[in-house]
Protein backbone atom coordinates (compact mmCIF):
# COMPACT_ATOMS: atom_id res chain seq x y z
CA MET A 1 125.94 88.67 43.68
CA ASP A 2 129.44 89.82 43.05
CA GLY A 3 131.82 88.54 45.87
CA LEU A 4 129.53 86.01 47.67
CA LYS A 5 130.67 82.78 48.73
CA ILE A 6 128.05 80.25 49.16
CA SER A 7 128.83 77.19 51.37
CA MET A 8 127.42 74.03 49.40
CA VAL A 9 124.62 72.63 51.98
CA LEU A 10 123.39 69.24 50.42
CA ILE A 11 120.30 67.93 51.26
CA SER A 12 118.45 64.13 50.08
CA ALA A 13 114.87 62.54 51.55
CA VAL A 14 113.74 59.52 50.66
CA LEU A 15 109.95 57.69 51.36
CA LEU A 16 110.67 53.78 51.46
CA LEU A 17 107.53 52.02 51.90
CA LEU A 18 108.78 48.57 52.96
CA PRO A 19 106.01 45.65 52.74
CA GLY A 20 107.34 42.10 53.48
CA ALA A 21 110.91 43.38 54.77
CA TYR A 22 112.45 41.91 57.69
CA GLY A 23 116.18 42.69 58.97
CA LEU A 24 116.28 46.17 57.19
CA ASP A 25 119.67 47.35 55.91
CA PHE A 26 119.63 51.10 55.14
CA SER A 27 122.18 53.29 53.81
CA MET A 28 121.98 57.14 52.08
CA GLY A 29 124.25 59.74 51.22
CA THR A 30 125.25 62.79 49.79
CA SER A 31 128.15 64.29 48.12
CA ASN A 32 129.30 67.06 46.23
CA GLY A 33 132.57 65.41 44.75
CA ILE A 34 134.89 66.79 47.84
CA ASN A 35 132.48 66.48 50.95
CA GLY A 36 130.31 64.22 51.49
CA ALA A 37 128.00 62.49 54.52
CA SER A 38 126.60 59.42 54.48
CA GLU A 39 124.39 57.03 56.98
CA SER A 40 124.05 53.41 57.51
CA ILE A 41 121.31 51.56 59.72
CA LYS A 42 120.09 48.08 60.41
CA LEU A 43 117.52 47.01 62.12
CA ASP A 44 114.86 44.46 62.69
CA ALA A 45 111.78 45.73 60.69
CA PRO A 46 108.71 44.32 61.29
CA LEU A 47 105.61 43.77 57.79
CA GLU A 48 104.47 46.32 56.24
CA SER A 49 106.24 49.38 57.41
CA SER A 50 106.85 52.75 56.50
CA LEU A 51 110.12 54.51 56.53
CA VAL A 52 111.57 57.89 56.28
CA SER A 53 114.59 59.46 56.22
CA SER A 54 116.50 62.85 55.51
CA THR A 55 120.34 63.89 55.52
CA GLU A 56 121.77 67.45 55.25
CA ALA A 57 125.48 67.78 55.33
CA SER A 58 127.87 71.02 54.80
CA PRO A 59 131.80 70.89 54.79
CA MET A 60 131.74 71.50 58.75
CA SER A 61 128.58 69.74 59.97
CA HIS A 62 126.27 66.77 59.37
CA ALA A 63 122.72 66.05 60.40
CA SER A 64 119.85 63.50 59.60
CA SER A 65 117.06 62.48 61.04
CA MET A 66 114.36 58.98 60.64
CA THR A 67 110.87 57.81 61.37
CA PHE A 68 109.63 54.34 61.59
CA LYS A 69 105.86 53.36 61.94
CA GLY A 70 104.89 50.07 62.15
CA SER A 71 103.87 46.78 64.13
CA GLY A 72 105.03 43.85 65.66
CA ASP A 73 108.50 43.15 66.59
CA TYR A 74 111.34 46.01 66.72
CA ASN A 75 114.92 46.36 67.21
CA PHE A 76 116.93 49.30 66.68
CA THR A 77 120.27 49.74 67.83
CA GLU A 78 122.43 52.50 66.69
CA THR A 79 125.97 54.26 67.49
CA PHE A 80 126.55 57.80 65.99
CA SER A 81 130.26 59.50 66.21
CA SER A 82 131.57 62.90 66.57
CA LEU A 83 133.48 63.63 62.99
CA ASP A 84 136.69 63.34 64.84
CA GLU A 85 135.01 59.99 66.04
CA GLY A 86 136.39 60.81 69.67
CA GLU A 87 132.76 61.14 70.65
CA HIS A 88 130.00 58.96 70.74
CA VAL A 89 126.17 58.38 71.35
CA ARG A 90 124.31 55.05 71.12
CA LEU A 91 120.59 54.70 71.00
CA ILE A 92 118.74 51.41 71.71
CA ALA A 93 114.51 51.20 71.01
CA LYS A 94 112.98 47.74 70.85
CA MET A 95 110.11 45.73 71.59
CA GLU A 96 107.95 42.89 70.69
CA ASP A 97 104.62 42.10 69.47
CA SER A 98 103.26 45.91 69.51
CA LYS A 99 100.09 46.81 68.15
CA LYS A 100 101.54 49.97 66.52
CA PHE A 101 104.37 51.80 67.45
CA VAL A 102 106.42 54.86 66.23
CA HIS A 103 109.86 55.55 66.40
CA SER A 104 112.39 58.27 65.38
CA TYR A 105 115.58 59.61 65.90
CA ARG A 106 117.76 62.68 64.83
CA ILE A 107 121.01 63.68 64.41
CA GLU A 108 121.05 67.62 66.00
CA LYS A 109 124.81 67.99 65.98
CA ARG A 110 127.32 66.36 64.37
CA GLU A 111 130.64 68.57 64.72
CA MET A 112 134.30 67.90 64.85
CA ASP A 113 134.17 67.44 68.93
CA ARG A 114 130.79 67.13 69.44
CA ILE A 115 127.80 64.83 68.56
CA ARG A 116 124.10 65.59 69.88
CA VAL A 117 121.25 62.33 68.70
CA SER A 118 117.73 62.46 70.08
CA GLN A 119 114.94 59.87 69.64
CA SER A 120 111.77 59.54 70.45
CA LEU A 121 109.22 56.40 70.75
CA ASP A 122 105.44 55.88 71.05
CA VAL A 123 104.03 51.77 71.36
CA ASP A 124 100.54 51.10 71.75
CA GLN A 125 100.31 47.41 73.25
CA GLY A 126 103.54 45.93 73.09
CA LYS A 127 105.48 43.81 75.06
CA MET A 128 109.18 43.60 76.10
CA ILE A 129 109.66 47.34 75.97
CA GLU A 130 113.14 49.01 75.80
CA CYS A 131 114.64 52.02 75.16
CA SER A 132 117.95 53.53 76.12
CA THR A 133 120.19 56.44 75.65
CA GLU A 134 124.08 56.38 76.11
CA ALA A 135 126.86 59.02 75.68
CA TRP A 136 130.99 58.89 76.17
CA ASN A 137 133.72 60.06 74.77
CA SER A 138 137.76 59.90 74.81
CA LEU A 139 138.37 60.97 78.52
CA GLY A 140 136.01 57.75 79.94
CA GLN A 141 133.36 59.81 80.74
CA ALA A 142 129.86 57.90 80.02
CA ALA A 143 126.19 58.62 81.01
CA ARG A 144 123.61 56.17 80.09
CA VAL A 145 119.60 56.31 80.82
CA GLY A 146 117.02 53.75 79.77
CA LEU A 147 113.62 52.40 80.76
CA LYS A 148 111.94 49.30 80.16
CA ILE A 149 108.22 47.81 80.60
CA SER A 150 107.63 44.35 80.07
CA SER A 151 104.09 44.76 78.73
CA GLY A 152 101.82 47.60 78.17
CA SER A 153 102.28 51.26 76.17
CA LEU A 154 104.49 54.12 76.26
CA ASN A 155 103.71 57.40 75.55
CA GLY A 156 105.94 60.85 74.59
CA TYR A 157 109.16 58.90 75.31
CA LYS A 158 111.99 61.41 74.42
CA SER A 159 115.95 61.03 75.08
CA TYR A 160 119.03 62.67 73.49
CA GLY A 161 122.39 61.85 74.11
CA ASP A 162 124.88 64.89 73.86
CA ALA A 163 128.85 64.00 73.96
CA THR A 164 131.62 66.65 73.63
CA ASP A 165 135.52 66.44 74.69
CA ASP A 166 134.36 67.53 78.29
CA LYS A 167 131.16 66.60 78.76
CA VAL A 168 128.57 64.06 78.31
CA VAL A 169 125.02 63.98 79.18
CA ALA A 170 122.12 61.69 78.81
CA ASP A 171 118.83 62.53 79.07
CA GLN A 172 114.95 60.90 78.74
CA GLU A 173 111.47 61.50 79.83
CA ALA A 174 108.31 59.62 79.24
CA THR A 175 104.44 59.26 79.84
CA ILE A 176 103.73 55.60 81.37
CA PRO A 177 100.13 54.82 81.53
CA ALA A 178 98.35 53.93 84.42
CA ASN A 179 98.73 50.25 85.90
CA THR A 180 101.84 49.79 84.01
CA ARG A 181 104.55 47.91 86.16
CA PHE A 182 108.14 49.64 84.90
CA SER A 183 111.79 50.42 85.43
CA VAL A 184 114.09 52.99 85.13
CA PHE A 185 117.80 53.22 85.53
CA ALA A 186 120.79 55.91 85.15
CA GLU A 187 124.37 55.47 85.31
CA ALA A 188 127.39 58.25 85.65
CA GLU A 189 130.82 57.07 84.92
CA ARG A 190 133.91 59.09 85.81
CA ASP A 191 137.49 57.80 86.07
CA ILE A 192 137.04 55.26 88.46
CA SER A 193 133.85 56.34 90.14
CA THR A 194 131.06 55.43 89.26
CA GLN A 195 127.13 56.43 90.03
CA ARG A 196 123.97 54.01 89.57
CA SER A 197 120.25 54.64 90.10
CA MET A 198 118.15 52.09 89.33
CA GLY A 199 114.14 52.10 89.89
CA LEU A 200 111.07 49.64 89.74
CA MET A 201 107.70 51.13 89.93
CA ARG A 202 104.21 50.51 89.69
CA SER A 203 101.09 53.31 90.04
CA SER A 204 97.59 53.44 89.98
CA MET A 205 97.65 56.09 87.68
CA ALA A 206 99.61 57.72 84.90
CA LEU A 207 103.40 59.32 85.84
CA ASP A 208 105.33 61.49 83.94
CA VAL A 209 109.02 60.14 84.51
CA LYS A 210 112.06 62.12 83.97
CA THR A 211 115.87 60.98 84.11
CA THR A 212 119.31 62.72 83.72
CA ALA A 213 123.15 61.29 84.07
CA THR A 214 125.55 64.41 83.62
CA VAL A 215 129.31 63.53 83.36
CA MET A 216 131.71 66.74 83.86
CA GLU A 217 135.96 67.00 83.98
CA LYS A 218 135.49 67.33 88.03
CA LYS A 219 131.75 65.78 89.02
CA SER A 220 129.09 63.76 88.07
CA LYS A 221 125.27 63.25 88.75
CA ILE A 222 122.00 61.63 88.14
CA LEU A 223 118.81 63.20 88.37
CA ASN A 224 115.06 61.48 88.82
CA GLY A 225 111.95 62.50 88.90
CA VAL A 226 108.09 60.97 89.05
CA SER A 227 105.04 62.91 89.05
CA LYS A 228 101.26 62.57 88.39
CA SER A 229 101.09 62.79 84.58
CA LYS A 230 99.82 66.04 83.05
CA GLU A 231 97.93 64.43 80.26
CA LYS A 232 94.35 64.62 80.71
CA ASP A 233 91.80 61.71 80.14
CA ASP A 234 94.40 58.99 80.59
CA LYS A 235 92.33 56.09 79.32
CA ASP A 236 95.16 53.40 80.34
């Protein structure tokens, strides 16, 4: 078409089967000779696991995703930054001796002054399960949420961190199986003011939990919600 200008969008995807791998150091990148994007991920990976990762990049934005499936021990800790490196999100997902797990993350937005990253985690019978999300910026605003289970399963855990140059948000939600002891926490930090929320719970029924921490220029807030699970026929 005459006069049509096309912005290059680069897409790369790779599927790795990792029999016998542990302490995985995975990296991938894309480039058109002028602009490019790359990801470098380090994690402790269990034996006989699979990884699917993709990256999309354009001159003004960057997005990528990863899904990891396996069993046993797992330790993922990664910090993601905006293009101007003033905003950040950190994700943590770890457990020990799991029967089965699926962990995914996705960079939803990576722009000059914004970074938004989400993750999901499902664990079938693991120990020392821990997941958390933190978002912060150059103004000193910081929001954190997290969840821990010493022994048991975790269903449908989802969280995201969203950091801009004037606001940060960290949010999580999950279904906790019946008779599971768990703890949740949240923190909202602004200047010299810090709000914290912590709770240790156990219930005879499955529970849906949700926690949100938000920090803006003039205020911060933490919202907590716990209710009977909407999932039916919970067998745990």
